[in-house]
Each structure stands twice: as C-alpha cells, then as structure tokens.
Amino acid sequence: MAGFWQSITGRSRPKQADLDALFLVPSAAITLQTAAGLMPTGTGSVCYRAARGAGFADTQTDVLELIRGAADAPRVDLTSDEFGFTWLTVHREPDDTGGLCTDLHAVNTTLELEGFGPSLLCSTVPFEDSAGRRVALVYLYKQASFYPFAPGAGQRRDTLLELQVGETLAAEIPVEKDKSRWLALWGAPGL
C-alpha cells in the first residue's frame, strides 16, 4: 500500500541512515592500501549544522566529553566553515582507523538520538598516497551511502581518482550511484 501511495503522490520516504556503515571503512582502508596505495591519514570529521539553543549546546558538549574522556582520547577540534556548518574533527594515529570510525559513529549516533539527526550532513575519512594525492570517503547521512571526493590543485577535482576509488570499493561499502550527489567539500578538515 505504501508503494502505491508513493506513486500517486510522487513522494518517497527518504533513506534511513545506517550509521553502522561507518564500521565498513576499516576494511575498505585495507583495500585502498593494497589496491591503490592510499593510506589513512588518522583524521576524520562529522559535518553538521549546529542548532541554536541550550539543548544542542549541551549535546555537543556531551559528545566532546564522551570522546575526550576515553582512556586513549584523541585530539578533537571544532571548526565552522563559510556555509555555517560545524566540523567536529577527530585526530588519531593513522593505523587506528577502527578507533577513528568508532569516534565518528559515536558523534553521529549521539546527535541522532538527541533529535538532531536532520542536522547531520556527512562524515569524512581522508586517505593519502605517496605522491600526496588525497581522497576522502564521504558518508552522506541522508543518502546512507558513501562517495569518494578527491580535491586537486586550484579547486579542481581528481575525478579519475574518485572513479577508481568508487569502483574499487563498490563491493565493500554502499557507494552512491547518483554522481550528482558526489559534492565537492572544498576546505573540509584533513583535505
């Protein structure tokens, strides 16, 4: 019945975010190392639109305390971009992709559980090769899928690298099929 109603009204339900997909990144990191020479940088970020009010401020403080309070606490930075989005960036050792993804999952889950899921935009996990080329796996919260973003010189994208990474990981992570959603994240932390 729901499918019938959606076809009549022309509306569909948005995909549900599957935050556990972030735990697929450590395995994908091994594939990127062996297949493309791309190594994790140890940095990862969650991008969201900060809400006004004490409720959001308290939740953000709780998230920071949760991550910073761990025995092996990473460095955490908060920055804002020119579009008004907040980037919460976690810095771990490059070989601790599992710990990094656990931290990113904790941030996303806490914001979602406290009712701020609609504010979440994406999470990023950057990689770099020996030539200095960088590419991030970007998890789109509202699409429940990943895409690669590879910035080049002068705000140009390395689309060949993006396509290569997307094809390499298609069997391991949910790669966004609609390339119009592969947005440029100029100035994202770690890129």
N, C-alpha and C. Protein backbone atom coordinates (compact mmCIF):
# COMPACT_ATOMS: atom_id res chain seq x y z
N MET A 1 0.81 -1.20 0.00
CA MET A 1 0.00 0.00 0.00
C MET A 1 0.86 1.27 0.00
N ALA A 2 1.96 1.23 0.77
CA ALA A 2 2.82 2.42 0.84
C ALA A 2 3.40 2.75 -0.53
N GLY A 3 3.82 1.73 -1.28
CA GLY A 3 4.36 1.95 -2.61
C GLY A 3 3.34 2.56 -3.54
N PHE A 4 2.09 2.12 -3.43
CA PHE A 4 1.00 2.66 -4.23
C PHE A 4 0.78 4.12 -3.90
N TRP A 5 0.73 4.44 -2.62
CA TRP A 5 0.52 5.82 -2.18
C TRP A 5 1.68 6.72 -2.65
N GLN A 6 2.88 6.21 -2.57
CA GLN A 6 4.05 6.99 -3.02
C GLN A 6 3.98 7.27 -4.52
N SER A 7 3.53 6.29 -5.30
CA SER A 7 3.45 6.51 -6.74
C SER A 7 2.36 7.52 -7.09
N ILE A 8 1.26 7.55 -6.32
CA ILE A 8 0.18 8.51 -6.58
C ILE A 8 0.61 9.92 -6.20
N THR A 9 1.23 10.05 -5.02
CA THR A 9 1.59 11.39 -4.53
C THR A 9 2.91 11.88 -5.08
N GLY A 10 3.71 10.98 -5.64
CA GLY A 10 5.01 11.39 -6.17
C GLY A 10 6.05 11.60 -5.09
N ARG A 11 5.74 11.18 -3.87
CA ARG A 11 6.67 11.34 -2.76
C ARG A 11 7.22 9.99 -2.34
N SER A 12 8.42 10.01 -1.91
CA SER A 12 9.01 8.78 -1.37
C SER A 12 9.63 9.10 -0.03
N ARG A 13 9.77 8.07 0.76
CA ARG A 13 10.40 8.25 2.06
C ARG A 13 11.90 8.34 1.87
N PRO A 14 12.54 9.25 2.60
CA PRO A 14 14.00 9.32 2.49
C PRO A 14 14.61 8.05 3.08
N LYS A 15 15.80 7.71 2.58
CA LYS A 15 16.52 6.56 3.11
C LYS A 15 16.84 6.79 4.57
N GLN A 16 16.83 5.73 5.35
CA GLN A 16 17.26 5.80 6.73
C GLN A 16 18.78 5.69 6.77
N ALA A 17 19.41 6.54 7.53
CA ALA A 17 20.86 6.46 7.68
C ALA A 17 21.21 5.14 8.36
N ASP A 18 22.26 4.51 7.90
CA ASP A 18 22.77 3.29 8.51
C ASP A 18 24.16 3.63 9.03
N LEU A 19 24.20 4.17 10.24
CA LEU A 19 25.47 4.63 10.79
C LEU A 19 26.47 3.50 10.99
N ASP A 20 25.98 2.27 11.09
CA ASP A 20 26.90 1.14 11.22
C ASP A 20 27.74 0.96 9.96
N ALA A 21 27.34 1.57 8.86
CA ALA A 21 28.15 1.51 7.63
C ALA A 21 29.54 2.11 7.86
N LEU A 22 29.66 3.00 8.83
CA LEU A 22 30.97 3.58 9.14
C LEU A 22 31.96 2.49 9.57
N PHE A 23 31.44 1.39 10.13
CA PHE A 23 32.34 0.31 10.57
C PHE A 23 32.86 -0.52 9.39
N LEU A 24 32.39 -0.23 8.17
CA LEU A 24 32.92 -0.88 6.98
C LEU A 24 34.20 -0.20 6.49
N VAL A 25 34.46 1.00 6.97
CA VAL A 25 35.61 1.78 6.49
C VAL A 25 36.96 1.13 6.83
N PRO A 26 37.18 0.56 8.03
CA PRO A 26 38.48 -0.06 8.27
C PRO A 26 38.83 -1.17 7.25
N SER A 27 37.85 -1.98 6.87
CA SER A 27 38.09 -3.00 5.86
C SER A 27 38.36 -2.35 4.49
N ALA A 28 37.59 -1.31 4.18
CA ALA A 28 37.80 -0.59 2.92
C ALA A 28 39.19 0.07 2.90
N ALA A 29 39.67 0.48 4.07
CA ALA A 29 41.01 1.09 4.16
C ALA A 29 42.08 0.10 3.75
N ILE A 30 41.92 -1.15 4.14
CA ILE A 30 42.90 -2.18 3.75
C ILE A 30 42.88 -2.36 2.23
N THR A 31 41.68 -2.37 1.66
CA THR A 31 41.55 -2.50 0.21
C THR A 31 42.21 -1.31 -0.50
N LEU A 32 41.99 -0.11 0.01
CA LEU A 32 42.60 1.08 -0.61
C LEU A 32 44.12 1.04 -0.51
N GLN A 33 44.65 0.53 0.59
CA GLN A 33 46.10 0.42 0.75
C GLN A 33 46.69 -0.54 -0.27
N THR A 34 46.07 -1.70 -0.40
CA THR A 34 46.64 -2.73 -1.29
C THR A 34 46.36 -2.45 -2.76
N ALA A 35 45.18 -1.93 -3.08
CA ALA A 35 44.80 -1.74 -4.48
C ALA A 35 45.25 -0.40 -5.06
N ALA A 36 45.36 0.63 -4.23
CA ALA A 36 45.64 1.96 -4.77
C ALA A 36 46.76 2.70 -4.05
N GLY A 37 47.36 2.10 -3.03
CA GLY A 37 48.44 2.77 -2.31
C GLY A 37 47.96 3.94 -1.48
N LEU A 38 46.69 3.97 -1.13
CA LEU A 38 46.13 5.06 -0.33
C LEU A 38 46.12 4.65 1.14
N MET A 39 46.72 5.47 1.97
CA MET A 39 46.85 5.18 3.40
C MET A 39 45.96 6.12 4.20
N PRO A 40 45.36 5.63 5.29
CA PRO A 40 44.56 6.51 6.15
C PRO A 40 45.43 7.61 6.75
N THR A 41 44.86 8.79 6.92
CA THR A 41 45.60 9.90 7.50
C THR A 41 45.45 9.97 9.01
N GLY A 42 44.46 9.25 9.57
CA GLY A 42 44.21 9.31 11.00
C GLY A 42 43.25 10.41 11.39
N THR A 43 42.75 11.12 10.41
CA THR A 43 41.81 12.22 10.66
C THR A 43 40.44 11.84 10.11
N GLY A 44 39.41 12.24 10.81
CA GLY A 44 38.04 12.03 10.33
C GLY A 44 37.16 13.12 10.91
N SER A 45 36.08 13.43 10.20
CA SER A 45 35.22 14.54 10.62
C SER A 45 33.75 14.18 10.48
N VAL A 46 32.95 14.84 11.29
CA VAL A 46 31.50 14.82 11.15
C VAL A 46 31.08 16.26 10.89
N CYS A 47 30.29 16.46 9.84
CA CYS A 47 29.82 17.79 9.46
C CYS A 47 28.33 17.88 9.76
N TYR A 48 27.92 18.95 10.44
CA TYR A 48 26.52 19.15 10.79
C TYR A 48 26.22 20.63 10.92
N ARG A 49 24.94 20.94 10.84
CA ARG A 49 24.50 22.32 11.06
C ARG A 49 24.14 22.43 12.53
N ALA A 50 24.90 23.21 13.27
CA ALA A 50 24.64 23.38 14.70
C ALA A 50 23.32 24.12 14.91
N ALA A 51 22.52 23.58 15.79
CA ALA A 51 21.23 24.22 16.11
C ALA A 51 21.44 25.25 17.22
N ARG A 52 20.55 26.20 17.27
CA ARG A 52 20.61 27.19 18.35
C ARG A 52 19.93 26.63 19.58
N GLY A 53 20.38 27.07 20.72
CA GLY A 53 19.71 26.68 21.95
C GLY A 53 20.57 25.83 22.87
N ALA A 54 20.13 25.77 24.10
CA ALA A 54 20.87 25.06 25.14
C ALA A 54 20.88 23.56 24.90
N GLY A 55 19.79 23.01 24.37
CA GLY A 55 19.72 21.57 24.13
C GLY A 55 20.83 21.09 23.21
N PHE A 56 21.02 21.80 22.11
CA PHE A 56 22.08 21.40 21.19
C PHE A 56 23.45 21.64 21.79
N ALA A 57 23.63 22.78 22.45
CA ALA A 57 24.93 23.08 23.07
C ALA A 57 25.29 22.01 24.09
N ASP A 58 24.32 21.58 24.88
CA ASP A 58 24.58 20.52 25.87
C ASP A 58 24.94 19.21 25.18
N THR A 59 24.24 18.88 24.10
CA THR A 59 24.52 17.64 23.37
C THR A 59 25.92 17.69 22.78
N GLN A 60 26.30 18.81 22.19
CA GLN A 60 27.63 18.94 21.61
C GLN A 60 28.70 18.81 22.69
N THR A 61 28.46 19.40 23.85
CA THR A 61 29.39 19.28 24.97
C THR A 61 29.50 17.84 25.42
N ASP A 62 28.36 17.13 25.48
CA ASP A 62 28.37 15.72 25.87
C ASP A 62 29.19 14.89 24.90
N VAL A 63 29.04 15.18 23.60
CA VAL A 63 29.79 14.44 22.57
C VAL A 63 31.30 14.66 22.77
N LEU A 64 31.69 15.90 22.98
CA LEU A 64 33.11 16.21 23.17
C LEU A 64 33.65 15.52 24.42
N GLU A 65 32.88 15.53 25.51
CA GLU A 65 33.32 14.88 26.74
C GLU A 65 33.41 13.37 26.56
N LEU A 66 32.47 12.79 25.80
CA LEU A 66 32.48 11.35 25.54
C LEU A 66 33.78 10.95 24.84
N ILE A 67 34.15 11.68 23.81
CA ILE A 67 35.35 11.32 23.05
C ILE A 67 36.62 11.67 23.81
N ARG A 68 36.65 12.83 24.42
CA ARG A 68 37.85 13.26 25.13
C ARG A 68 38.05 12.52 26.45
N GLY A 69 36.99 11.89 26.96
CA GLY A 69 37.07 11.20 28.24
C GLY A 69 37.58 9.78 28.15
N ALA A 70 37.80 9.26 26.96
CA ALA A 70 38.27 7.88 26.79
C ALA A 70 39.73 7.77 27.25
N ALA A 71 40.12 6.56 27.64
CA ALA A 71 41.49 6.33 28.10
C ALA A 71 42.51 6.67 27.01
N ASP A 72 42.18 6.36 25.77
CA ASP A 72 43.08 6.67 24.64
C ASP A 72 42.53 7.85 23.84
N ALA A 73 42.11 8.87 24.55
CA ALA A 73 41.41 10.02 23.95
C ALA A 73 42.20 10.66 22.81
N PRO A 74 41.53 10.84 21.67
CA PRO A 74 42.18 11.53 20.55
C PRO A 74 42.05 13.04 20.71
N ARG A 75 42.76 13.77 19.87
CA ARG A 75 42.57 15.21 19.81
C ARG A 75 41.30 15.47 19.02
N VAL A 76 40.50 16.42 19.47
CA VAL A 76 39.24 16.77 18.81
C VAL A 76 39.20 18.28 18.60
N ASP A 77 38.84 18.69 17.39
CA ASP A 77 38.73 20.11 17.06
C ASP A 77 37.31 20.41 16.57
N LEU A 78 36.84 21.61 16.86
CA LEU A 78 35.57 22.11 16.32
C LEU A 78 35.87 23.34 15.47
N THR A 79 35.41 23.33 14.22
CA THR A 79 35.58 24.48 13.34
C THR A 79 34.26 24.72 12.61
N SER A 80 34.11 25.92 12.09
CA SER A 80 32.94 26.26 11.27
C SER A 80 33.43 26.67 9.89
N ASP A 81 32.64 26.32 8.86
CA ASP A 81 33.03 26.70 7.51
C ASP A 81 32.24 27.93 7.06
N GLU A 82 32.53 28.38 5.86
CA GLU A 82 31.90 29.60 5.34
C GLU A 82 30.40 29.44 5.10
N PHE A 83 29.90 28.21 5.08
CA PHE A 83 28.48 27.96 4.83
C PHE A 83 27.69 27.78 6.13
N GLY A 84 28.37 27.92 7.27
CA GLY A 84 27.70 27.82 8.55
C GLY A 84 27.62 26.40 9.11
N PHE A 85 28.35 25.46 8.50
CA PHE A 85 28.38 24.09 9.02
C PHE A 85 29.50 23.95 10.03
N THR A 86 29.29 23.10 11.01
CA THR A 86 30.29 22.80 12.02
C THR A 86 30.97 21.49 11.63
N TRP A 87 32.28 21.45 11.78
CA TRP A 87 33.07 20.25 11.53
C TRP A 87 33.69 19.83 12.84
N LEU A 88 33.31 18.66 13.34
CA LEU A 88 33.94 18.08 14.51
C LEU A 88 34.97 17.08 13.98
N THR A 89 36.24 17.38 14.21
CA THR A 89 37.32 16.59 13.62
C THR A 89 38.08 15.85 14.71
N VAL A 90 38.27 14.56 14.46
CA VAL A 90 38.97 13.67 15.38
C VAL A 90 40.32 13.32 14.76
N HIS A 91 41.38 13.36 15.58
CA HIS A 91 42.74 13.04 15.12
C HIS A 91 43.25 11.84 15.91
N ARG A 92 43.50 10.74 15.22
CA ARG A 92 44.07 9.53 15.82
C ARG A 92 45.32 9.14 15.03
N GLU A 93 45.99 8.10 15.50
CA GLU A 93 47.12 7.57 14.75
C GLU A 93 46.60 7.02 13.42
N PRO A 94 47.34 7.16 12.33
CA PRO A 94 46.86 6.69 11.03
C PRO A 94 46.50 5.21 10.98
N ASP A 95 47.12 4.40 11.84
CA ASP A 95 46.82 2.96 11.81
C ASP A 95 45.61 2.58 12.69
N ASP A 96 44.93 3.58 13.27
CA ASP A 96 43.78 3.31 14.13
C ASP A 96 42.47 3.73 13.45
N THR A 97 42.25 3.22 12.26
CA THR A 97 41.02 3.56 11.52
C THR A 97 39.79 3.04 12.27
N GLY A 98 39.92 1.90 12.93
CA GLY A 98 38.81 1.36 13.70
C GLY A 98 38.40 2.29 14.83
N GLY A 99 39.37 2.80 15.58
CA GLY A 99 39.08 3.74 16.66
C GLY A 99 38.49 5.03 16.13
N LEU A 100 39.02 5.50 15.01
CA LEU A 100 38.51 6.72 14.38
C LEU A 100 37.04 6.55 13.99
N CYS A 101 36.72 5.43 13.35
CA CYS A 101 35.34 5.20 12.92
C CYS A 101 34.40 5.03 14.11
N THR A 102 34.90 4.45 15.20
CA THR A 102 34.10 4.35 16.42
C THR A 102 33.78 5.74 16.95
N ASP A 103 34.76 6.63 16.93
CA ASP A 103 34.53 8.01 17.39
C ASP A 103 33.50 8.71 16.50
N LEU A 104 33.64 8.59 15.18
CA LEU A 104 32.70 9.23 14.26
C LEU A 104 31.29 8.67 14.45
N HIS A 105 31.21 7.37 14.65
CA HIS A 105 29.92 6.72 14.89
C HIS A 105 29.28 7.26 16.18
N ALA A 106 30.09 7.43 17.22
CA ALA A 106 29.58 7.95 18.49
C ALA A 106 29.03 9.36 18.34
N VAL A 107 29.71 10.20 17.58
CA VAL A 107 29.25 11.58 17.35
C VAL A 107 27.91 11.55 16.62
N ASN A 108 27.87 10.83 15.48
CA ASN A 108 26.64 10.75 14.69
C ASN A 108 25.48 10.18 15.49
N THR A 109 25.72 9.08 16.20
CA THR A 109 24.67 8.41 16.96
C THR A 109 24.13 9.30 18.06
N THR A 110 25.02 9.98 18.78
CA THR A 110 24.57 10.86 19.87
C THR A 110 23.71 11.99 19.32
N LEU A 111 24.14 12.62 18.24
CA LEU A 111 23.35 13.70 17.65
C LEU A 111 21.99 13.17 17.18
N GLU A 112 21.99 11.99 16.57
CA GLU A 112 20.74 11.41 16.09
C GLU A 112 19.81 11.07 17.25
N LEU A 113 20.33 10.42 18.30
CA LEU A 113 19.50 10.03 19.43
C LEU A 113 18.91 11.22 20.19
N GLU A 114 19.62 12.33 20.16
CA GLU A 114 19.13 13.53 20.84
C GLU A 114 18.20 14.37 19.95
N GLY A 115 17.85 13.84 18.78
CA GLY A 115 16.89 14.51 17.90
C GLY A 115 17.50 15.45 16.89
N PHE A 116 18.82 15.43 16.74
CA PHE A 116 19.49 16.34 15.81
C PHE A 116 19.94 15.64 14.53
N GLY A 117 19.38 14.47 14.23
CA GLY A 117 19.71 13.75 13.01
C GLY A 117 19.54 14.58 11.75
N PRO A 118 18.44 15.37 11.64
CA PRO A 118 18.28 16.19 10.43
C PRO A 118 19.39 17.22 10.23
N SER A 119 20.16 17.52 11.27
CA SER A 119 21.26 18.48 11.16
C SER A 119 22.53 17.86 10.59
N LEU A 120 22.59 16.52 10.59
CA LEU A 120 23.80 15.83 10.11
C LEU A 120 23.90 15.92 8.59
N LEU A 121 25.07 16.27 8.09
CA LEU A 121 25.31 16.34 6.65
C LEU A 121 26.13 15.13 6.18
N CYS A 122 27.34 14.97 6.74
CA CYS A 122 28.21 13.89 6.28
C CYS A 122 29.30 13.61 7.30
N SER A 123 30.01 12.52 7.06
CA SER A 123 31.23 12.19 7.79
C SER A 123 32.30 11.92 6.74
N THR A 124 33.54 12.28 7.06
CA THR A 124 34.64 12.08 6.10
C THR A 124 35.79 11.33 6.76
N VAL A 125 36.43 10.46 5.98
CA VAL A 125 37.65 9.76 6.40
C VAL A 125 38.64 9.90 5.24
N PRO A 126 39.65 10.78 5.39
CA PRO A 126 40.62 11.01 4.32
C PRO A 126 41.74 9.97 4.25
N PHE A 127 42.26 9.79 3.02
CA PHE A 127 43.38 8.91 2.72
C PHE A 127 44.35 9.70 1.85
N GLU A 128 45.62 9.24 1.85
CA GLU A 128 46.65 9.91 1.05
C GLU A 128 47.61 8.88 0.48
N ASP A 129 48.10 9.13 -0.76
CA ASP A 129 49.09 8.22 -1.33
C ASP A 129 50.49 8.85 -1.22
N SER A 130 51.49 8.13 -1.68
CA SER A 130 52.88 8.59 -1.54
C SER A 130 53.18 9.84 -2.37
N ALA A 131 52.35 10.12 -3.40
CA ALA A 131 52.53 11.31 -4.22
C ALA A 131 51.82 12.52 -3.62
N GLY A 132 51.13 12.34 -2.49
CA GLY A 132 50.44 13.45 -1.84
C GLY A 132 49.00 13.65 -2.29
N ARG A 133 48.51 12.78 -3.18
CA ARG A 133 47.10 12.88 -3.59
C ARG A 133 46.22 12.46 -2.42
N ARG A 134 45.15 13.20 -2.21
CA ARG A 134 44.23 12.89 -1.11
C ARG A 134 42.86 12.57 -1.67
N VAL A 135 42.18 11.68 -0.97
CA VAL A 135 40.81 11.33 -1.29
C VAL A 135 40.12 11.01 0.03
N ALA A 136 38.89 11.45 0.17
CA ALA A 136 38.11 11.15 1.37
C ALA A 136 36.96 10.24 1.01
N LEU A 137 36.68 9.29 1.89
CA LEU A 137 35.42 8.57 1.81
C LEU A 137 34.42 9.43 2.56
N VAL A 138 33.39 9.84 1.87
CA VAL A 138 32.37 10.73 2.44
C VAL A 138 31.10 9.93 2.63
N TYR A 139 30.63 9.86 3.88
CA TYR A 139 29.37 9.18 4.16
C TYR A 139 28.27 10.24 4.19
N LEU A 140 27.34 10.13 3.26
CA LEU A 140 26.20 11.05 3.21
C LEU A 140 25.10 10.53 4.13
N TYR A 141 24.87 11.25 5.19
CA TYR A 141 23.91 10.81 6.20
C TYR A 141 22.52 10.58 5.61
N LYS A 142 22.03 11.52 4.82
CA LYS A 142 20.66 11.43 4.30
C LYS A 142 20.51 10.42 3.16
N GLN A 143 21.60 9.99 2.56
CA GLN A 143 21.54 9.02 1.47
C GLN A 143 21.96 7.62 1.91
N ALA A 144 22.53 7.50 3.10
CA ALA A 144 23.01 6.22 3.63
C ALA A 144 23.99 5.56 2.67
N SER A 145 24.88 6.38 2.09
CA SER A 145 25.86 5.86 1.14
C SER A 145 27.13 6.70 1.19
N PHE A 146 28.19 6.14 0.61
CA PHE A 146 29.49 6.79 0.54
C PHE A 146 29.78 7.27 -0.88
N TYR A 147 30.66 8.24 -0.99
CA TYR A 147 31.26 8.58 -2.27
C TYR A 147 32.67 9.08 -2.01
N PRO A 148 33.56 8.95 -3.00
CA PRO A 148 34.91 9.47 -2.84
C PRO A 148 35.00 10.91 -3.32
N PHE A 149 35.71 11.73 -2.57
CA PHE A 149 35.98 13.10 -3.00
C PHE A 149 37.49 13.30 -2.98
N ALA A 150 38.05 13.63 -4.15
CA ALA A 150 39.50 13.83 -4.30
C ALA A 150 39.77 15.24 -4.79
N PRO A 151 40.16 16.15 -3.88
CA PRO A 151 40.47 17.50 -4.32
C PRO A 151 41.80 17.56 -5.04
N GLY A 152 41.84 18.34 -6.10
CA GLY A 152 43.09 18.56 -6.84
C GLY A 152 43.53 20.00 -6.63
N ALA A 153 44.51 20.43 -7.37
CA ALA A 153 45.02 21.80 -7.27
C ALA A 153 44.01 22.78 -7.83
N GLY A 154 43.94 23.95 -7.21
CA GLY A 154 43.09 25.02 -7.71
C GLY A 154 41.61 24.71 -7.72
N GLN A 155 41.14 24.06 -6.71
CA GLN A 155 39.73 23.65 -6.59
C GLN A 155 39.25 22.88 -7.82
N ARG A 156 40.09 22.00 -8.27
CA ARG A 156 39.71 21.05 -9.31
C ARG A 156 39.68 19.68 -8.67
N ARG A 157 38.78 18.86 -9.13
CA ARG A 157 38.65 17.52 -8.60
C ARG A 157 39.46 16.53 -9.43
N ASP A 158 40.00 15.54 -8.76
CA ASP A 158 40.67 14.44 -9.43
C ASP A 158 39.61 13.37 -9.68
N THR A 159 38.81 13.57 -10.73
CA THR A 159 37.68 12.68 -10.99
C THR A 159 38.12 11.27 -11.34
N LEU A 160 39.28 11.14 -11.95
CA LEU A 160 39.79 9.81 -12.26
C LEU A 160 40.04 9.02 -10.97
N LEU A 161 40.66 9.66 -9.98
CA LEU A 161 40.89 9.01 -8.69
C LEU A 161 39.57 8.70 -8.00
N GLU A 162 38.62 9.63 -8.07
CA GLU A 162 37.31 9.39 -7.46
C GLU A 162 36.64 8.15 -8.06
N LEU A 163 36.64 8.06 -9.39
CA LEU A 163 36.03 6.91 -10.05
C LEU A 163 36.76 5.62 -9.71
N GLN A 164 38.08 5.68 -9.67
CA GLN A 164 38.88 4.50 -9.33
C GLN A 164 38.53 4.01 -7.92
N VAL A 165 38.48 4.92 -6.97
CA VAL A 165 38.16 4.55 -5.58
C VAL A 165 36.74 4.01 -5.49
N GLY A 166 35.80 4.67 -6.15
CA GLY A 166 34.42 4.21 -6.14
C GLY A 166 34.27 2.80 -6.68
N GLU A 167 34.94 2.53 -7.79
CA GLU A 167 34.88 1.18 -8.39
C GLU A 167 35.58 0.15 -7.52
N THR A 168 36.70 0.53 -6.93
CA THR A 168 37.47 -0.38 -6.09
C THR A 168 36.67 -0.82 -4.86
N LEU A 169 35.87 0.09 -4.32
CA LEU A 169 35.17 -0.20 -3.07
C LEU A 169 33.70 -0.58 -3.25
N ALA A 170 33.23 -0.66 -4.48
CA ALA A 170 31.80 -0.90 -4.73
C ALA A 170 31.27 -2.18 -4.09
N ALA A 171 32.11 -3.19 -3.94
CA ALA A 171 31.66 -4.45 -3.33
C ALA A 171 31.77 -4.44 -1.80
N GLU A 172 32.42 -3.40 -1.23
CA GLU A 172 32.65 -3.36 0.21
C GLU A 172 31.79 -2.38 0.98
N ILE A 173 31.47 -1.27 0.36
CA ILE A 173 30.68 -0.23 1.03
C ILE A 173 29.56 0.20 0.08
N PRO A 174 28.47 0.76 0.62
CA PRO A 174 27.42 1.26 -0.26
C PRO A 174 27.87 2.56 -0.93
N VAL A 175 28.26 2.48 -2.20
CA VAL A 175 28.73 3.65 -2.95
C VAL A 175 27.53 4.32 -3.60
N GLU A 176 27.41 5.64 -3.42
CA GLU A 176 26.31 6.42 -4.01
C GLU A 176 26.36 6.31 -5.52
N LYS A 177 25.27 5.83 -6.09
CA LYS A 177 25.21 5.64 -7.54
C LYS A 177 24.98 6.94 -8.31
N ASP A 178 24.26 7.88 -7.70
CA ASP A 178 23.95 9.15 -8.34
C ASP A 178 25.14 10.10 -8.17
N LYS A 179 25.95 10.22 -9.21
CA LYS A 179 27.17 11.02 -9.10
C LYS A 179 26.90 12.51 -8.93
N SER A 180 25.68 12.95 -9.17
CA SER A 180 25.35 14.36 -8.92
C SER A 180 25.36 14.65 -7.41
N ARG A 181 25.34 13.61 -6.60
CA ARG A 181 25.42 13.77 -5.15
C ARG A 181 26.85 13.72 -4.64
N TRP A 182 27.81 13.50 -5.54
CA TRP A 182 29.21 13.48 -5.16
C TRP A 182 29.68 14.93 -5.05
N LEU A 183 29.34 15.59 -3.97
CA LEU A 183 29.60 17.01 -3.81
C LEU A 183 31.05 17.30 -3.47
N ALA A 184 31.50 18.46 -3.92
CA ALA A 184 32.84 18.93 -3.58
C ALA A 184 32.82 19.47 -2.16
N LEU A 185 33.78 19.07 -1.36
CA LEU A 185 33.87 19.53 0.02
C LEU A 185 35.15 20.35 0.20
N TRP A 186 35.26 21.44 -0.59
CA TRP A 186 36.44 22.28 -0.52
C TRP A 186 36.64 22.77 0.91
N GLY A 187 37.84 22.66 1.38
CA GLY A 187 38.18 23.17 2.71
C GLY A 187 37.79 22.25 3.85
N ALA A 188 37.32 21.05 3.55
CA ALA A 188 36.98 20.11 4.62
C ALA A 188 38.24 19.77 5.40
N PRO A 189 38.14 19.62 6.72
CA PRO A 189 39.33 19.27 7.51
C PRO A 189 39.99 17.99 7.02
N GLY A 190 41.30 17.99 6.97
CA GLY A 190 42.05 16.82 6.55
C GLY A 190 42.22 16.70 5.05
N LEU A 191 41.61 17.59 4.29
CA LEU A 191 41.75 17.56 2.83
C LEU A 191 42.47 18.80 2.38
